[in-house]
Amino acid sequence: MKGNLRWGVAGLVLGLAAAIAIPSLAQTSPPPTPSTSGRTVTVSGTATIRSAPDEAVVSLGVRTQAPTAQQALQENASKMTDVMKALLGAGLKQSDIATTNVSLYPNYNSDGTAVISFVAENDIQATVHDMSKVGQIIDLAVASGANVTSGISFQLSDQNQGLDRALQAAVADARSKAETLAAAGGAALGQVISITETAAPTPPPVMFERAAASPSTPVSPPTLETQVSVSVVWALS
């Protein structure tokens, strides 16, 4: 009995010691470090690049009116042929001239009860690569029979040239903002997770009218603006 009592007392002492030690260890353990995985920052960047156009697209047409549909088409075809020959003779290539519309419709009397004539129209777009000759091309086309126009649009022969520079500037703008935000939050930029881009090149149309007293129709090309916006998501570390 005495032996059993001694073992029982010893076991009780060890159990109490363990119970006291366990909470002591728990109190001295360092708090867990918060996880940084999954933290991101999303920033938008914008940029505008200005470029001088090196191409002009001139919209021209021939409209004819005659008593019969066949006569209207024949007269129209004859005049448009003269216009195209004049444009080719001025240095434009066949690939620079594109037909955009061919139409034929009746013309009614005032009360709309009878057809009095037919109207034929043929419209083209002529791409001029020499900006100094745009006015001369317009005058030449009008002198050759063109009597319809819907204006001029200016563009870059390499559309991606301005866009690439604008995208680089927009991403740089986004990075600058993201670095500022990350530093303010006590973090640093990690890898790029995604980039979303929207581009809106907006070459403004320039309308023209033929000036009879001028030796050449004056044309002043505008400065083209390529505007882009990007949204970039970075991981934070």
Protein backbone atom coordinates (compact mmCIF):
# COMPACT_ATOMS: atom_id res chain seq x y z
CA MET A 1 0.00 0.00 0.00
CA LYS A 2 2.78 2.43 0.86
CA GLY A 3 4.42 1.79 -2.51
CA ASN A 4 1.20 2.49 -4.38
CA LEU A 5 0.67 5.66 -2.38
CA ARG A 6 4.12 6.96 -3.30
CA TRP A 7 3.48 6.38 -7.04
CA GLY A 8 0.10 8.11 -6.77
CA VAL A 9 1.56 11.18 -5.13
CA ALA A 10 4.35 11.35 -7.73
CA GLY A 11 1.86 11.11 -10.59
CA LEU A 12 -0.22 13.90 -9.11
CA VAL A 13 2.83 16.15 -8.83
CA LEU A 14 3.84 15.50 -12.46
CA GLY A 15 0.31 16.18 -13.69
CA LEU A 16 0.16 19.51 -11.89
CA ALA A 17 3.55 20.49 -13.29
CA ALA A 18 2.44 19.70 -16.85
CA ALA A 19 -0.78 21.66 -16.38
CA ILE A 20 1.19 24.68 -15.25
CA ALA A 21 3.76 24.40 -18.07
CA ILE A 22 1.26 24.17 -20.97
CA PRO A 23 -0.36 27.60 -20.47
CA SER A 24 3.09 29.06 -19.87
CA LEU A 25 4.26 27.84 -23.30
CA ALA A 26 1.10 29.17 -24.95
CA GLN A 27 1.66 32.61 -23.51
CA THR A 28 5.25 32.90 -24.77
CA SER A 29 4.55 31.76 -28.41
CA PRO A 30 4.81 34.66 -30.99
CA PRO A 31 1.54 35.74 -32.71
CA PRO A 32 1.02 34.33 -36.26
CA THR A 33 2.21 36.52 -39.14
CA PRO A 34 -0.72 37.73 -41.32
CA SER A 35 -0.68 36.21 -44.82
CA THR A 36 0.12 38.50 -47.76
CA SER A 37 -0.94 36.04 -50.43
CA GLY A 38 -3.77 37.25 -52.64
CA ARG A 39 -3.18 40.96 -52.02
CA THR A 40 -3.41 43.03 -55.20
CA VAL A 41 -3.69 46.62 -56.35
CA THR A 42 -5.61 47.68 -59.47
CA VAL A 43 -4.69 50.98 -61.13
CA SER A 44 -5.71 52.67 -64.38
CA GLY A 45 -3.34 54.65 -66.58
CA THR A 46 -4.00 56.95 -69.52
CA ALA A 47 -1.93 58.56 -72.24
CA THR A 48 -2.45 60.75 -75.30
CA ILE A 49 0.00 60.73 -78.21
CA ARG A 50 -0.17 63.46 -80.87
CA SER A 51 1.03 62.71 -84.39
CA ALA A 52 1.02 64.45 -87.77
CA PRO A 53 -1.00 62.49 -90.36
CA ASP A 54 0.74 61.26 -93.49
CA GLU A 55 -2.35 60.09 -95.43
CA ALA A 56 -5.61 61.72 -96.46
CA VAL A 57 -8.72 59.78 -97.51
CA VAL A 58 -10.87 61.93 -99.81
CA SER A 59 -14.51 60.92 -100.32
CA LEU A 60 -15.77 61.84 -103.80
CA GLY A 61 -18.69 60.91 -105.99
CA VAL A 62 -20.56 61.47 -109.24
CA ARG A 63 -24.32 62.01 -109.30
CA THR A 64 -26.24 62.11 -112.58
CA GLN A 65 -29.89 62.55 -113.45
CA ALA A 66 -31.60 61.45 -116.67
CA PRO A 67 -35.08 60.58 -117.97
CA THR A 68 -34.35 56.84 -117.93
CA ALA A 69 -32.48 54.60 -115.52
CA GLN A 70 -30.19 53.30 -118.26
CA GLN A 71 -29.28 56.79 -119.39
CA ALA A 72 -28.56 57.91 -115.81
CA LEU A 73 -26.25 54.93 -115.27
CA GLN A 74 -24.44 55.39 -118.58
CA GLU A 75 -23.78 59.08 -117.96
CA ASN A 76 -22.64 58.31 -114.45
CA ALA A 77 -20.28 55.56 -115.59
CA SER A 78 -18.75 57.85 -118.22
CA LYS A 79 -18.08 60.67 -115.74
CA MET A 80 -16.75 58.38 -113.00
CA THR A 81 -14.40 56.76 -115.52
CA ASP A 82 -13.02 60.21 -116.30
CA VAL A 83 -12.58 60.93 -112.59
CA MET A 84 -10.71 57.69 -111.97
CA LYS A 85 -8.46 58.22 -115.00
CA ALA A 86 -7.60 61.69 -113.73
CA LEU A 87 -6.75 60.37 -110.26
CA LEU A 88 -4.55 57.61 -111.68
CA GLY A 89 -2.85 60.13 -113.94
CA ALA A 90 -2.10 62.29 -110.88
CA GLY A 91 -0.06 59.50 -109.33
CA LEU A 92 -2.61 57.52 -107.32
CA LYS A 93 -2.49 53.73 -107.61
CA GLN A 94 -5.46 51.53 -108.39
CA SER A 95 -5.26 50.22 -104.82
CA ASP A 96 -5.66 53.80 -103.56
CA ILE A 97 -9.15 54.07 -105.08
CA ALA A 98 -12.08 52.14 -103.58
CA THR A 99 -15.76 52.23 -104.52
CA THR A 100 -17.95 52.79 -101.47
CA ASN A 101 -21.42 53.14 -102.99
CA VAL A 102 -23.34 52.67 -106.23
CA SER A 103 -27.02 53.59 -106.24
CA LEU A 104 -29.91 54.22 -108.63
CA TYR A 105 -33.29 55.57 -107.56
CA PRO A 106 -36.31 57.24 -109.16
CA ASN A 107 -37.12 60.93 -108.82
CA TYR A 108 -40.84 61.66 -108.41
CA ASN A 109 -42.90 64.74 -109.20
CA SER A 110 -44.06 67.12 -106.47
CA ASP A 111 -47.10 65.06 -105.47
CA GLY A 112 -45.23 61.74 -105.68
CA THR A 113 -47.53 60.17 -108.24
CA ALA A 114 -45.19 59.85 -111.22
CA VAL A 115 -41.53 59.17 -111.92
CA ILE A 116 -40.00 62.07 -113.79
CA SER A 117 -36.35 60.98 -113.87
CA PHE A 118 -33.75 58.65 -112.40
CA VAL A 119 -30.71 59.53 -110.29
CA ALA A 120 -27.53 57.45 -110.34
CA GLU A 121 -24.67 57.91 -107.89
CA ASN A 122 -21.22 56.37 -107.63
CA ASP A 123 -19.01 57.21 -104.62
CA ILE A 124 -15.32 56.45 -104.10
CA GLN A 125 -12.61 56.98 -101.53
CA ALA A 126 -9.20 58.10 -102.77
CA THR A 127 -6.20 57.70 -100.46
CA VAL A 128 -3.62 60.43 -101.02
CA HIS A 129 -0.12 59.71 -99.68
CA ASP A 130 1.41 63.08 -100.56
CA MET A 131 -0.16 65.57 -98.17
CA SER A 132 0.94 68.52 -100.30
CA LYS A 133 -1.25 67.31 -103.19
CA VAL A 134 -4.56 66.79 -101.38
CA GLY A 135 -6.06 70.08 -102.59
CA GLN A 136 -4.87 69.46 -106.15
CA ILE A 137 -6.43 65.98 -106.14
CA ILE A 138 -9.77 67.43 -105.05
CA ASP A 139 -9.73 70.09 -107.74
CA LEU A 140 -8.71 67.58 -110.38
CA ALA A 141 -11.55 65.23 -109.45
CA VAL A 142 -14.12 68.03 -109.54
CA ALA A 143 -12.83 69.26 -112.88
CA SER A 144 -13.14 65.72 -114.25
CA GLY A 145 -16.80 65.34 -113.24
CA ALA A 146 -17.02 64.70 -109.50
CA ASN A 147 -19.94 66.66 -108.02
CA VAL A 148 -20.48 64.92 -104.68
CA THR A 149 -18.22 64.94 -101.65
CA SER A 150 -18.53 63.93 -98.01
CA GLY A 151 -15.21 65.27 -96.74
CA ILE A 152 -11.72 64.15 -95.84
CA SER A 153 -10.35 61.99 -93.06
CA PHE A 154 -6.69 62.01 -92.08
CA GLN A 155 -4.79 59.01 -90.78
CA LEU A 156 -1.40 57.46 -90.12
CA SER A 157 -0.10 54.97 -92.66
CA ASP A 158 1.19 52.92 -89.74
CA GLN A 159 -1.75 52.93 -87.34
CA ASN A 160 0.18 50.98 -84.71
CA GLN A 161 2.99 53.52 -84.51
CA GLY A 162 1.13 56.02 -82.37
CA LEU A 163 -0.81 53.32 -80.53
CA ASP A 164 2.31 51.48 -79.36
CA ARG A 165 3.81 54.64 -77.91
CA ALA A 166 0.54 55.54 -76.22
CA LEU A 167 0.25 52.08 -74.63
CA GLN A 168 3.78 52.27 -73.24
CA ALA A 169 3.06 55.69 -71.75
CA ALA A 170 -0.27 54.51 -70.28
CA VAL A 171 1.32 51.50 -68.57
CA ALA A 172 4.09 53.73 -67.19
CA ASP A 173 1.42 56.06 -65.82
CA ALA A 174 -0.35 53.13 -64.16
CA ARG A 175 2.89 51.83 -62.61
CA SER A 176 3.71 55.23 -61.13
CA LYS A 177 0.31 55.36 -59.44
CA ALA A 178 0.55 51.74 -58.25
CA GLU A 179 3.99 52.29 -56.70
CA THR A 180 2.68 55.29 -54.78
CA LEU A 181 -0.32 53.35 -53.48
CA ALA A 182 1.76 50.30 -52.54
CA ALA A 183 4.32 52.40 -50.65
CA ALA A 184 1.54 54.19 -48.77
CA GLY A 185 0.19 50.82 -47.71
CA GLY A 186 3.57 49.48 -46.61
CA ALA A 187 3.88 47.05 -49.51
CA ALA A 188 5.82 46.67 -52.73
CA LEU A 189 4.74 45.86 -56.27
CA GLY A 190 5.09 42.27 -57.38
CA GLN A 191 4.34 40.69 -60.74
CA VAL A 192 1.71 41.97 -63.14
CA ILE A 193 -1.40 39.79 -62.96
CA SER A 194 -3.43 41.26 -65.81
CA ILE A 195 -3.59 44.22 -68.20
CA THR A 196 -6.75 45.43 -69.92
CA GLU A 197 -6.52 48.01 -72.70
CA THR A 198 -8.99 50.17 -74.59
CA ALA A 199 -7.87 52.44 -77.45
CA ALA A 200 -9.78 55.16 -79.19
CA PRO A 201 -7.90 56.81 -82.05
CA THR A 202 -10.06 59.74 -83.14
CA PRO A 203 -8.86 61.40 -86.34
CA PRO A 204 -11.29 64.29 -86.82
CA PRO A 205 -12.99 64.59 -90.23
CA VAL A 206 -12.31 67.80 -92.10
CA MET A 207 -14.93 68.98 -94.57
CA PHE A 208 -14.00 70.97 -97.63
CA GLU A 209 -15.63 73.06 -100.31
CA ARG A 210 -14.23 73.88 -103.72
CA ALA A 211 -13.01 77.46 -103.93
CA ALA A 212 -13.53 78.72 -107.48
CA ALA A 213 -11.17 81.67 -107.13
CA SER A 214 -8.38 79.61 -105.60
CA PRO A 215 -5.80 77.79 -107.72
CA SER A 216 -6.05 74.84 -105.34
CA THR A 217 -8.50 73.91 -102.62
CA PRO A 218 -6.78 74.76 -99.32
CA VAL A 219 -6.47 71.80 -96.96
CA SER A 220 -4.90 72.02 -93.50
CA PRO A 221 -4.32 68.59 -91.90
CA PRO A 222 -5.08 68.41 -88.17
CA THR A 223 -2.91 66.86 -85.49
CA LEU A 224 -4.12 63.34 -84.73
CA GLU A 225 -4.57 62.22 -81.15
CA THR A 226 -4.28 58.59 -80.08
CA GLN A 227 -5.86 58.17 -76.65
CA VAL A 228 -5.56 54.94 -74.68
CA SER A 229 -6.50 53.74 -71.22
CA VAL A 230 -5.18 50.64 -69.47
CA SER A 231 -6.15 48.88 -66.25
CA VAL A 232 -3.31 46.95 -64.63
CA VAL A 233 -3.52 44.53 -61.69
CA TRP A 234 -0.31 43.99 -59.66
CA ALA A 235 0.39 41.50 -56.91
CA LEU A 236 1.60 43.05 -53.66
CA SER A 237 4.52 41.72 -51.62
